[in-house]
Amino acid sequence: MLLAEIEFLQKREIELENESVCLRSKVCKSVLSIERFQHANMVTGQELNAIHALASPNFFGPAIIEGPLLTLTRTRRYSI
């Protein structure tokens, strides 16, 4: 009985090691695909400058948005 249990546990250990190898390979594949995706979506400096040049006329600058409110004053001119 004890010998049969030892053999069963040894087989189970081998199965678990095989599953571990399989899972590690899947994790590596996932990491590689994520890295490829991130690399494919990276923008070079020149491309980023071109994007900013095209997009900048369509947006307000941060100084305009965050700056103090300007008050409009009316000046009166008196003619003598």
N, C-alpha and C. Protein backbone atom coordinates (compact mmCIF):
# COMPACT_ATOMS: atom_id res chain seq x y z
N MET A 1 0.82 -1.19 0.00
CA MET A 1 0.00 0.00 0.00
C MET A 1 0.86 1.26 0.00
N LEU A 2 1.88 1.27 0.85
CA LEU A 2 2.78 2.42 0.93
C LEU A 2 3.55 2.59 -0.38
N LEU A 3 3.98 1.49 -0.97
CA LEU A 3 4.71 1.54 -2.24
C LEU A 3 3.83 2.11 -3.35
N ALA A 4 2.58 1.75 -3.39
CA ALA A 4 1.65 2.26 -4.41
C ALA A 4 1.44 3.76 -4.23
N GLU A 5 1.37 4.21 -3.00
CA GLU A 5 1.18 5.64 -2.74
C GLU A 5 2.42 6.43 -3.14
N ILE A 6 3.60 5.87 -2.88
CA ILE A 6 4.85 6.54 -3.27
C ILE A 6 4.92 6.66 -4.79
N GLU A 7 4.59 5.60 -5.50
CA GLU A 7 4.60 5.64 -6.97
C GLU A 7 3.60 6.66 -7.50
N PHE A 8 2.41 6.71 -6.89
CA PHE A 8 1.40 7.68 -7.31
C PHE A 8 1.90 9.11 -7.11
N LEU A 9 2.52 9.36 -5.95
CA LEU A 9 3.02 10.71 -5.67
C LEU A 9 4.18 11.08 -6.60
N GLN A 10 5.02 10.12 -6.96
CA GLN A 10 6.10 10.39 -7.91
C GLN A 10 5.55 10.74 -9.29
N LYS A 11 4.53 10.02 -9.72
CA LYS A 11 3.89 10.33 -11.01
C LYS A 11 3.24 11.71 -10.96
N ARG A 12 2.59 11.98 -9.85
CA ARG A 12 1.93 13.29 -9.70
C ARG A 12 2.95 14.42 -9.71
N GLU A 13 4.11 14.19 -9.09
CA GLU A 13 5.18 15.19 -9.10
C GLU A 13 5.64 15.47 -10.52
N ILE A 14 5.79 14.43 -11.32
CA ILE A 14 6.21 14.60 -12.72
C ILE A 14 5.14 15.37 -13.50
N GLU A 15 3.88 15.04 -13.27
CA GLU A 15 2.79 15.76 -13.94
C GLU A 15 2.80 17.24 -13.57
N LEU A 16 3.01 17.53 -12.29
CA LEU A 16 3.03 18.92 -11.85
C LEU A 16 4.23 19.67 -12.43
N GLU A 17 5.37 19.01 -12.54
CA GLU A 17 6.53 19.65 -13.16
C GLU A 17 6.26 19.96 -14.63
N ASN A 18 5.62 19.03 -15.33
CA ASN A 18 5.27 19.26 -16.74
C ASN A 18 4.29 20.42 -16.89
N GLU A 19 3.30 20.48 -16.01
CA GLU A 19 2.34 21.60 -16.04
C GLU A 19 3.04 22.92 -15.75
N SER A 20 3.99 22.88 -14.83
CA SER A 20 4.74 24.09 -14.49
C SER A 20 5.52 24.60 -15.69
N VAL A 21 6.17 23.69 -16.41
CA VAL A 21 6.92 24.07 -17.61
C VAL A 21 5.98 24.66 -18.65
N CYS A 22 4.83 24.04 -18.82
CA CYS A 22 3.84 24.52 -19.79
C CYS A 22 3.36 25.92 -19.43
N LEU A 23 3.05 26.13 -18.15
CA LEU A 23 2.57 27.44 -17.72
C LEU A 23 3.65 28.51 -17.85
N ARG A 24 4.89 28.15 -17.54
CA ARG A 24 5.98 29.11 -17.69
C ARG A 24 6.16 29.52 -19.15
N SER A 25 6.03 28.57 -20.06
CA SER A 25 6.17 28.91 -21.48
C SER A 25 5.03 29.82 -21.93
N LYS A 26 3.81 29.58 -21.43
CA LYS A 26 2.69 30.45 -21.77
C LYS A 26 2.91 31.86 -21.24
N VAL A 27 3.44 31.97 -20.02
CA VAL A 27 3.71 33.28 -19.45
C VAL A 27 4.76 34.01 -20.27
N CYS A 28 5.81 33.30 -20.67
CA CYS A 28 6.85 33.91 -21.50
C CYS A 28 6.29 34.40 -22.83
N LYS A 29 5.43 33.60 -23.45
CA LYS A 29 4.81 34.01 -24.71
C LYS A 29 3.96 35.26 -24.52
N SER A 30 3.23 35.31 -23.42
CA SER A 30 2.39 36.47 -23.15
C SER A 30 3.23 37.72 -22.93
N VAL A 31 4.31 37.58 -22.17
CA VAL A 31 5.19 38.72 -21.92
C VAL A 31 5.81 39.20 -23.22
N LEU A 32 6.25 38.28 -24.06
CA LEU A 32 6.84 38.67 -25.34
C LEU A 32 5.83 39.37 -26.23
N SER A 33 4.60 38.90 -26.25
CA SER A 33 3.60 39.55 -27.10
C SER A 33 3.27 40.94 -26.56
N ILE A 34 3.24 41.10 -25.26
CA ILE A 34 3.00 42.43 -24.68
C ILE A 34 4.15 43.37 -25.02
N GLU A 35 5.38 42.88 -24.91
CA GLU A 35 6.54 43.72 -25.25
C GLU A 35 6.52 44.10 -26.73
N ARG A 36 6.16 43.16 -27.60
CA ARG A 36 6.06 43.48 -29.03
C ARG A 36 4.99 44.54 -29.28
N PHE A 37 3.86 44.39 -28.61
CA PHE A 37 2.77 45.36 -28.76
C PHE A 37 3.21 46.74 -28.30
N GLN A 38 3.88 46.81 -27.15
CA GLN A 38 4.34 48.10 -26.65
C GLN A 38 5.38 48.69 -27.58
N HIS A 39 6.27 47.86 -28.10
CA HIS A 39 7.30 48.36 -29.02
C HIS A 39 6.67 48.86 -30.32
N ALA A 40 5.65 48.17 -30.79
CA ALA A 40 4.99 48.57 -32.03
C ALA A 40 4.25 49.89 -31.86
N ASN A 41 3.80 50.19 -30.64
CA ASN A 41 3.06 51.42 -30.39
C ASN A 41 3.94 52.57 -29.93
N MET A 42 5.24 52.36 -29.88
CA MET A 42 6.13 53.44 -29.48
C MET A 42 6.27 54.44 -30.61
N VAL A 43 6.44 55.69 -30.23
CA VAL A 43 6.58 56.76 -31.21
C VAL A 43 7.98 57.33 -31.08
N THR A 44 8.65 57.55 -32.21
CA THR A 44 9.99 58.13 -32.18
C THR A 44 9.89 59.62 -31.90
N GLY A 45 11.01 60.22 -31.61
CA GLY A 45 11.04 61.65 -31.31
C GLY A 45 10.53 62.50 -32.46
N GLN A 46 10.94 62.16 -33.67
CA GLN A 46 10.50 62.93 -34.84
C GLN A 46 9.00 62.80 -35.05
N GLU A 47 8.48 61.60 -34.87
CA GLU A 47 7.03 61.40 -35.03
C GLU A 47 6.27 62.17 -33.96
N LEU A 48 6.79 62.16 -32.74
CA LEU A 48 6.13 62.87 -31.65
C LEU A 48 6.12 64.37 -31.92
N ASN A 49 7.23 64.91 -32.43
CA ASN A 49 7.27 66.33 -32.77
C ASN A 49 6.27 66.66 -33.87
N ALA A 50 6.14 65.77 -34.85
CA ALA A 50 5.17 66.00 -35.92
C ALA A 50 3.75 65.96 -35.38
N ILE A 51 3.48 65.05 -34.46
CA ILE A 51 2.15 64.98 -33.86
C ILE A 51 1.84 66.26 -33.10
N HIS A 52 2.81 66.74 -32.31
CA HIS A 52 2.60 67.98 -31.56
C HIS A 52 2.40 69.17 -32.51
N ALA A 53 3.15 69.20 -33.59
CA ALA A 53 3.02 70.31 -34.54
C ALA A 53 1.64 70.32 -35.18
N LEU A 54 1.12 69.15 -35.48
CA LEU A 54 -0.20 69.09 -36.10
C LEU A 54 -1.32 69.33 -35.10
N ALA A 55 -1.13 68.90 -33.88
CA ALA A 55 -2.20 68.98 -32.89
C ALA A 55 -2.22 70.31 -32.15
N SER A 56 -1.10 71.00 -32.06
CA SER A 56 -1.03 72.20 -31.23
C SER A 56 -1.98 73.32 -31.64
N PRO A 57 -2.27 73.55 -32.92
CA PRO A 57 -3.22 74.62 -33.24
C PRO A 57 -4.64 74.31 -32.77
N ASN A 58 -4.93 73.07 -32.49
CA ASN A 58 -6.28 72.68 -32.12
C ASN A 58 -6.53 72.70 -30.62
N PHE A 59 -5.52 73.00 -29.83
CA PHE A 59 -5.67 72.97 -28.38
C PHE A 59 -5.20 74.28 -27.77
N PHE A 60 -5.81 74.62 -26.63
CA PHE A 60 -5.34 75.77 -25.88
C PHE A 60 -4.08 75.38 -25.12
N GLY A 61 -3.19 76.32 -24.96
CA GLY A 61 -1.99 76.06 -24.18
C GLY A 61 -2.32 75.99 -22.70
N PRO A 62 -1.47 75.36 -21.91
CA PRO A 62 -1.74 75.24 -20.48
C PRO A 62 -1.79 76.59 -19.78
N ALA A 63 -1.02 77.58 -20.27
CA ALA A 63 -1.03 78.89 -19.64
C ALA A 63 -2.39 79.56 -19.80
N ILE A 64 -3.03 79.34 -20.92
CA ILE A 64 -4.35 79.93 -21.14
C ILE A 64 -5.39 79.27 -20.25
N ILE A 65 -5.31 77.97 -20.15
CA ILE A 65 -6.31 77.24 -19.37
C ILE A 65 -6.11 77.47 -17.87
N GLU A 66 -4.87 77.44 -17.41
CA GLU A 66 -4.60 77.52 -15.99
C GLU A 66 -4.33 78.94 -15.51
N GLY A 67 -4.16 79.89 -16.42
CA GLY A 67 -3.81 81.24 -16.05
C GLY A 67 -4.95 81.97 -15.36
N PRO A 68 -4.65 83.14 -14.77
CA PRO A 68 -5.71 83.91 -14.11
C PRO A 68 -6.70 84.45 -15.13
N LEU A 69 -7.90 84.69 -14.68
CA LEU A 69 -8.91 85.24 -15.57
C LEU A 69 -8.57 86.69 -15.89
N LEU A 70 -8.69 87.02 -17.13
CA LEU A 70 -8.43 88.39 -17.55
C LEU A 70 -9.71 89.20 -17.41
N THR A 71 -9.58 90.39 -16.88
CA THR A 71 -10.75 91.26 -16.77
C THR A 71 -10.67 92.29 -17.88
N LEU A 72 -11.77 92.49 -18.51
CA LEU A 72 -11.83 93.48 -19.57
C LEU A 72 -12.21 94.82 -18.97
N THR A 73 -11.47 95.81 -19.32
CA THR A 73 -11.77 97.16 -18.81
C THR A 73 -12.11 98.04 -19.99
N ARG A 74 -13.04 98.93 -19.76
CA ARG A 74 -13.44 99.87 -20.79
C ARG A 74 -12.84 101.23 -20.43
N THR A 75 -12.13 101.79 -21.35
CA THR A 75 -11.57 103.11 -21.10
C THR A 75 -12.48 104.14 -21.76
N ARG A 76 -12.73 105.18 -21.02
CA ARG A 76 -13.57 106.26 -21.56
C ARG A 76 -12.69 107.40 -22.02
N ARG A 77 -13.03 107.91 -23.14
CA ARG A 77 -12.30 109.07 -23.66
C ARG A 77 -13.27 110.25 -23.66
N TYR A 78 -12.81 111.24 -23.03
CA TYR A 78 -13.63 112.47 -22.98
C TYR A 78 -13.05 113.48 -23.95
N SER A 79 -13.92 114.07 -24.70
CA SER A 79 -13.45 115.13 -25.61
C SER A 79 -13.78 116.48 -24.99
N ILE A 80 -12.84 117.35 -25.05
CA ILE A 80 -13.03 118.67 -24.45
C ILE A 80 -13.34 119.69 -25.51
